[in-house]
Amino acid sequence: MRHFWTGFEATKSAAPVRFKKHVIVLYWSSSDKKGEDAKKTFHNLSIRHPSVVVKTIDIKKDPTSPLKHKVLELPTVILLKDGREIERLNMGNESSLLEHLFRKASI
């Protein structure tokens, strides 16, 4: 039995695997036309990228939520990785920039 356990003390264990979880959050207002357009674009891209976790927050329904990320302008898109902000996009009609965020999150 002693021979079997030889060498187990000297082995190193591997580092824990850290999963990269990306989330894209859209802050918008239902009373704003620009926000409605951004939500439609956001929805279409979320269908094309099903592996990306998305969340849309209407500030009319949840007015305290933008304070967490210090959102001053609407609509705003924030890319989060493991709960930390990586990129922020104050949207006008920049669907190409939003597409870039979705591609970055799906990696």
N, C-alpha and C. Protein backbone atom coordinates (compact mmCIF):
# COMPACT_ATOMS: atom_id res chain seq x y z
N MET A 1 0.81 -1.18 0.00
CA MET A 1 0.00 0.00 0.00
C MET A 1 0.87 1.26 0.00
N ARG A 2 1.96 1.22 0.66
CA ARG A 2 2.84 2.36 0.73
C ARG A 2 3.39 2.72 -0.64
N HIS A 3 3.64 1.75 -1.46
CA HIS A 3 4.16 1.97 -2.80
C HIS A 3 3.14 2.71 -3.68
N PHE A 4 1.87 2.42 -3.50
CA PHE A 4 0.82 3.04 -4.30
C PHE A 4 0.75 4.55 -4.08
N TRP A 5 0.92 5.06 -2.88
CA TRP A 5 0.78 6.48 -2.56
C TRP A 5 2.04 7.28 -2.82
N THR A 6 3.11 6.68 -3.26
CA THR A 6 4.36 7.39 -3.52
C THR A 6 4.16 8.38 -4.67
N GLY A 7 4.52 9.61 -4.43
CA GLY A 7 4.48 10.63 -5.47
C GLY A 7 3.23 11.48 -5.47
N PHE A 8 2.20 11.11 -4.73
CA PHE A 8 0.98 11.91 -4.73
C PHE A 8 1.15 13.23 -3.99
N GLU A 9 2.06 13.29 -3.04
CA GLU A 9 2.26 14.52 -2.28
C GLU A 9 2.91 15.61 -3.13
N ALA A 10 3.69 15.25 -4.10
CA ALA A 10 4.46 16.21 -4.88
C ALA A 10 3.69 16.76 -6.09
N THR A 11 2.51 16.23 -6.38
CA THR A 11 1.80 16.70 -7.57
C THR A 11 1.13 18.03 -7.31
N LYS A 12 0.99 18.79 -8.37
CA LYS A 12 0.33 20.08 -8.29
C LYS A 12 -1.08 19.96 -8.86
N SER A 13 -1.98 20.66 -8.25
CA SER A 13 -3.33 20.65 -8.81
C SER A 13 -3.46 21.80 -9.80
N ALA A 14 -4.33 21.63 -10.76
CA ALA A 14 -4.53 22.66 -11.78
C ALA A 14 -5.29 23.84 -11.21
N ALA A 15 -5.08 24.98 -11.79
CA ALA A 15 -5.81 26.18 -11.37
C ALA A 15 -7.29 26.00 -11.71
N PRO A 16 -8.17 26.58 -10.91
CA PRO A 16 -9.59 26.44 -11.21
C PRO A 16 -9.95 27.10 -12.53
N VAL A 17 -10.85 26.49 -13.24
CA VAL A 17 -11.28 27.02 -14.52
C VAL A 17 -12.23 28.18 -14.28
N ARG A 18 -11.96 29.30 -14.90
CA ARG A 18 -12.78 30.49 -14.74
C ARG A 18 -13.62 30.67 -16.00
N PHE A 19 -14.91 30.63 -15.85
CA PHE A 19 -15.79 30.78 -17.00
C PHE A 19 -15.99 32.25 -17.30
N LYS A 20 -15.93 32.59 -18.56
CA LYS A 20 -16.13 33.96 -18.99
C LYS A 20 -17.60 34.13 -19.36
N LYS A 21 -18.31 34.87 -18.57
CA LYS A 21 -19.72 35.08 -18.84
C LYS A 21 -19.94 36.52 -19.24
N HIS A 22 -20.40 36.70 -20.47
CA HIS A 22 -20.69 38.03 -20.98
C HIS A 22 -22.19 38.28 -20.92
N VAL A 23 -22.55 39.50 -20.57
CA VAL A 23 -23.94 39.93 -20.56
C VAL A 23 -23.98 41.31 -21.21
N ILE A 24 -24.96 41.52 -22.09
CA ILE A 24 -25.15 42.84 -22.69
C ILE A 24 -26.45 43.40 -22.14
N VAL A 25 -26.36 44.61 -21.58
CA VAL A 25 -27.52 45.26 -20.95
C VAL A 25 -27.88 46.50 -21.76
N LEU A 26 -29.17 46.65 -22.06
CA LEU A 26 -29.68 47.82 -22.75
C LEU A 26 -30.56 48.60 -21.80
N TYR A 27 -30.19 49.84 -21.53
CA TYR A 27 -31.02 50.77 -20.77
C TYR A 27 -31.74 51.66 -21.77
N TRP A 28 -33.07 51.68 -21.71
CA TRP A 28 -33.85 52.45 -22.67
C TRP A 28 -35.09 52.99 -21.98
N SER A 29 -35.77 53.89 -22.66
CA SER A 29 -37.01 54.47 -22.15
C SER A 29 -38.12 54.24 -23.17
N SER A 30 -39.26 53.79 -22.69
CA SER A 30 -40.38 53.50 -23.59
C SER A 30 -41.01 54.76 -24.15
N SER A 31 -40.72 55.90 -23.55
CA SER A 31 -41.29 57.16 -24.04
C SER A 31 -40.43 57.83 -25.11
N ASP A 32 -39.28 57.26 -25.42
CA ASP A 32 -38.33 57.85 -26.37
C ASP A 32 -38.32 57.04 -27.67
N LYS A 33 -38.46 57.72 -28.80
CA LYS A 33 -38.44 57.04 -30.11
C LYS A 33 -37.09 56.39 -30.37
N LYS A 34 -36.02 57.07 -29.99
CA LYS A 34 -34.68 56.51 -30.18
C LYS A 34 -34.50 55.23 -29.37
N GLY A 35 -35.10 55.20 -28.19
CA GLY A 35 -35.04 54.01 -27.35
C GLY A 35 -35.80 52.84 -27.95
N GLU A 36 -36.95 53.12 -28.54
CA GLU A 36 -37.73 52.07 -29.20
C GLU A 36 -36.96 51.48 -30.38
N ASP A 37 -36.31 52.34 -31.17
CA ASP A 37 -35.50 51.86 -32.30
C ASP A 37 -34.33 51.02 -31.82
N ALA A 38 -33.69 51.47 -30.75
CA ALA A 38 -32.56 50.72 -30.20
C ALA A 38 -33.00 49.36 -29.70
N LYS A 39 -34.18 49.30 -29.09
CA LYS A 39 -34.68 48.02 -28.58
C LYS A 39 -34.96 47.05 -29.72
N LYS A 40 -35.50 47.54 -30.83
CA LYS A 40 -35.75 46.67 -31.98
C LYS A 40 -34.44 46.13 -32.55
N THR A 41 -33.46 46.99 -32.72
CA THR A 41 -32.15 46.57 -33.22
C THR A 41 -31.51 45.56 -32.27
N PHE A 42 -31.60 45.85 -30.98
CA PHE A 42 -31.06 44.98 -29.94
C PHE A 42 -31.72 43.60 -29.99
N HIS A 43 -33.03 43.58 -30.16
CA HIS A 43 -33.77 42.32 -30.23
C HIS A 43 -33.36 41.50 -31.45
N ASN A 44 -33.24 42.16 -32.60
CA ASN A 44 -32.84 41.46 -33.83
C ASN A 44 -31.45 40.85 -33.70
N LEU A 45 -30.52 41.59 -33.07
CA LEU A 45 -29.17 41.05 -32.89
C LEU A 45 -29.14 39.91 -31.87
N SER A 46 -30.00 39.98 -30.87
CA SER A 46 -30.03 38.90 -29.87
C SER A 46 -30.55 37.61 -30.48
N ILE A 47 -31.40 37.72 -31.49
CA ILE A 47 -31.88 36.52 -32.19
C ILE A 47 -30.76 35.92 -33.04
N ARG A 48 -29.97 36.77 -33.68
CA ARG A 48 -28.85 36.28 -34.50
C ARG A 48 -27.71 35.72 -33.68
N HIS A 49 -27.58 36.14 -32.41
CA HIS A 49 -26.52 35.66 -31.52
C HIS A 49 -27.17 35.04 -30.28
N PRO A 50 -27.68 33.81 -30.40
CA PRO A 50 -28.41 33.20 -29.28
C PRO A 50 -27.54 32.83 -28.08
N SER A 51 -26.23 32.75 -28.26
CA SER A 51 -25.36 32.38 -27.14
C SER A 51 -25.09 33.54 -26.19
N VAL A 52 -25.43 34.76 -26.60
CA VAL A 52 -25.16 35.94 -25.77
C VAL A 52 -26.36 36.19 -24.85
N VAL A 53 -26.05 36.40 -23.57
CA VAL A 53 -27.09 36.71 -22.60
C VAL A 53 -27.37 38.20 -22.68
N VAL A 54 -28.64 38.56 -22.86
CA VAL A 54 -29.02 39.96 -22.99
C VAL A 54 -30.08 40.30 -21.93
N LYS A 55 -30.10 41.58 -21.60
CA LYS A 55 -31.08 42.08 -20.65
C LYS A 55 -31.47 43.48 -21.07
N THR A 56 -32.77 43.73 -21.16
CA THR A 56 -33.25 45.07 -21.49
C THR A 56 -33.95 45.64 -20.27
N ILE A 57 -33.64 46.88 -19.95
CA ILE A 57 -34.21 47.53 -18.77
C ILE A 57 -34.87 48.83 -19.19
N ASP A 58 -36.18 48.89 -18.99
CA ASP A 58 -36.94 50.11 -19.25
C ASP A 58 -36.87 50.96 -17.98
N ILE A 59 -36.30 52.14 -18.09
CA ILE A 59 -36.10 52.96 -16.88
C ILE A 59 -37.41 53.53 -16.35
N LYS A 60 -38.48 53.48 -17.15
CA LYS A 60 -39.79 53.89 -16.64
C LYS A 60 -40.29 52.90 -15.60
N LYS A 61 -40.00 51.62 -15.80
CA LYS A 61 -40.44 50.57 -14.87
C LYS A 61 -39.48 50.40 -13.71
N ASP A 62 -38.19 50.62 -13.94
CA ASP A 62 -37.17 50.44 -12.90
C ASP A 62 -36.24 51.66 -12.88
N PRO A 63 -36.66 52.75 -12.24
CA PRO A 63 -35.85 53.99 -12.30
C PRO A 63 -34.55 53.96 -11.50
N THR A 64 -34.38 53.03 -10.57
CA THR A 64 -33.15 53.00 -9.78
C THR A 64 -32.05 52.16 -10.43
N SER A 65 -32.39 51.35 -11.39
CA SER A 65 -31.42 50.46 -12.02
C SER A 65 -30.27 51.17 -12.73
N PRO A 66 -30.49 52.30 -13.44
CA PRO A 66 -29.36 52.97 -14.11
C PRO A 66 -28.31 53.52 -13.15
N LEU A 67 -28.65 53.68 -11.90
CA LEU A 67 -27.68 54.20 -10.93
C LEU A 67 -26.53 53.22 -10.69
N LYS A 68 -26.79 51.93 -10.86
CA LYS A 68 -25.74 50.92 -10.66
C LYS A 68 -24.57 51.11 -11.61
N HIS A 69 -24.88 51.49 -12.84
CA HIS A 69 -23.85 51.64 -13.87
C HIS A 69 -23.61 53.08 -14.28
N LYS A 70 -24.18 54.00 -13.54
CA LYS A 70 -24.00 55.44 -13.78
C LYS A 70 -24.40 55.82 -15.21
N VAL A 71 -25.58 55.40 -15.61
CA VAL A 71 -26.10 55.69 -16.94
C VAL A 71 -26.68 57.10 -16.93
N LEU A 72 -26.16 57.97 -17.80
CA LEU A 72 -26.62 59.35 -17.87
C LEU A 72 -27.39 59.65 -19.15
N GLU A 73 -27.18 58.84 -20.18
CA GLU A 73 -27.77 59.07 -21.49
C GLU A 73 -28.56 57.82 -21.90
N LEU A 74 -29.64 58.03 -22.62
CA LEU A 74 -30.44 56.89 -23.09
C LEU A 74 -30.54 56.94 -24.60
N PRO A 75 -30.57 55.85 -25.28
CA PRO A 75 -30.32 54.48 -24.82
C PRO A 75 -28.82 54.21 -24.67
N THR A 76 -28.50 53.37 -23.70
CA THR A 76 -27.11 53.01 -23.42
C THR A 76 -27.00 51.49 -23.39
N VAL A 77 -25.97 50.98 -24.05
CA VAL A 77 -25.69 49.55 -24.05
C VAL A 77 -24.38 49.33 -23.31
N ILE A 78 -24.39 48.37 -22.38
CA ILE A 78 -23.19 48.07 -21.59
C ILE A 78 -22.86 46.59 -21.75
N LEU A 79 -21.60 46.30 -22.05
CA LEU A 79 -21.11 44.93 -22.12
C LEU A 79 -20.43 44.61 -20.81
N LEU A 80 -20.91 43.57 -20.14
CA LEU A 80 -20.36 43.15 -18.86
C LEU A 80 -19.69 41.79 -19.01
N LYS A 81 -18.58 41.61 -18.33
CA LYS A 81 -17.90 40.31 -18.27
C LYS A 81 -17.67 40.00 -16.81
N ASP A 82 -18.24 38.92 -16.35
CA ASP A 82 -18.18 38.53 -14.94
C ASP A 82 -18.67 39.65 -14.03
N GLY A 83 -19.67 40.41 -14.48
CA GLY A 83 -20.25 41.48 -13.68
C GLY A 83 -19.53 42.81 -13.75
N ARG A 84 -18.43 42.88 -14.45
CA ARG A 84 -17.67 44.13 -14.58
C ARG A 84 -17.86 44.73 -15.96
N GLU A 85 -17.94 46.03 -16.01
CA GLU A 85 -18.14 46.72 -17.28
C GLU A 85 -16.88 46.67 -18.13
N ILE A 86 -17.06 46.27 -19.38
CA ILE A 86 -15.95 46.24 -20.33
C ILE A 86 -16.08 47.38 -21.33
N GLU A 87 -17.28 47.50 -21.91
CA GLU A 87 -17.51 48.55 -22.91
C GLU A 87 -18.88 49.17 -22.70
N ARG A 88 -19.00 50.41 -23.13
CA ARG A 88 -20.25 51.15 -23.05
C ARG A 88 -20.48 51.83 -24.38
N LEU A 89 -21.73 51.82 -24.81
CA LEU A 89 -22.09 52.42 -26.08
C LEU A 89 -23.35 53.25 -25.88
N ASN A 90 -23.24 54.56 -26.06
CA ASN A 90 -24.41 55.44 -26.04
C ASN A 90 -24.96 55.45 -27.45
N MET A 91 -26.09 54.79 -27.62
CA MET A 91 -26.58 54.50 -28.96
C MET A 91 -27.35 55.64 -29.58
N GLY A 92 -27.06 55.84 -30.83
CA GLY A 92 -27.90 56.63 -31.69
C GLY A 92 -28.52 55.63 -32.64
N ASN A 93 -27.90 55.48 -33.77
CA ASN A 93 -28.36 54.47 -34.72
C ASN A 93 -27.17 53.65 -35.20
N GLU A 94 -26.23 53.39 -34.32
CA GLU A 94 -24.99 52.70 -34.67
C GLU A 94 -25.16 51.19 -34.55
N SER A 95 -25.85 50.59 -35.49
CA SER A 95 -26.07 49.15 -35.42
C SER A 95 -24.78 48.37 -35.66
N SER A 96 -23.83 48.94 -36.39
CA SER A 96 -22.56 48.24 -36.63
C SER A 96 -21.74 48.14 -35.34
N LEU A 97 -21.78 49.18 -34.51
CA LEU A 97 -21.08 49.11 -33.23
C LEU A 97 -21.74 48.12 -32.29
N LEU A 98 -23.05 48.07 -32.33
CA LEU A 98 -23.78 47.11 -31.51
C LEU A 98 -23.51 45.68 -31.98
N GLU A 99 -23.43 45.50 -33.28
CA GLU A 99 -23.06 44.19 -33.84
C GLU A 99 -21.67 43.77 -33.36
N HIS A 100 -20.74 44.72 -33.30
CA HIS A 100 -19.39 44.45 -32.79
C HIS A 100 -19.43 43.97 -31.34
N LEU A 101 -20.27 44.59 -30.51
CA LEU A 101 -20.39 44.18 -29.11
C LEU A 101 -20.93 42.75 -29.01
N PHE A 102 -21.91 42.42 -29.82
CA PHE A 102 -22.47 41.07 -29.80
C PHE A 102 -21.43 40.04 -30.23
N ARG A 103 -20.64 40.36 -31.26
CA ARG A 103 -19.60 39.43 -31.69
C ARG A 103 -18.53 39.26 -30.61
N LYS A 104 -18.21 40.34 -29.95
CA LYS A 104 -17.20 40.29 -28.88
C LYS A 104 -17.71 39.44 -27.72
N ALA A 105 -19.00 39.53 -27.40
CA ALA A 105 -19.57 38.77 -26.29
C ALA A 105 -19.72 37.30 -26.62
N SER A 106 -19.85 36.96 -27.89
CA SER A 106 -20.06 35.55 -28.24
C SER A 106 -18.75 34.78 -28.35
N ILE A 107 -17.63 35.41 -28.19
CA ILE A 107 -16.33 34.73 -28.26
C ILE A 107 -16.12 33.89 -27.03
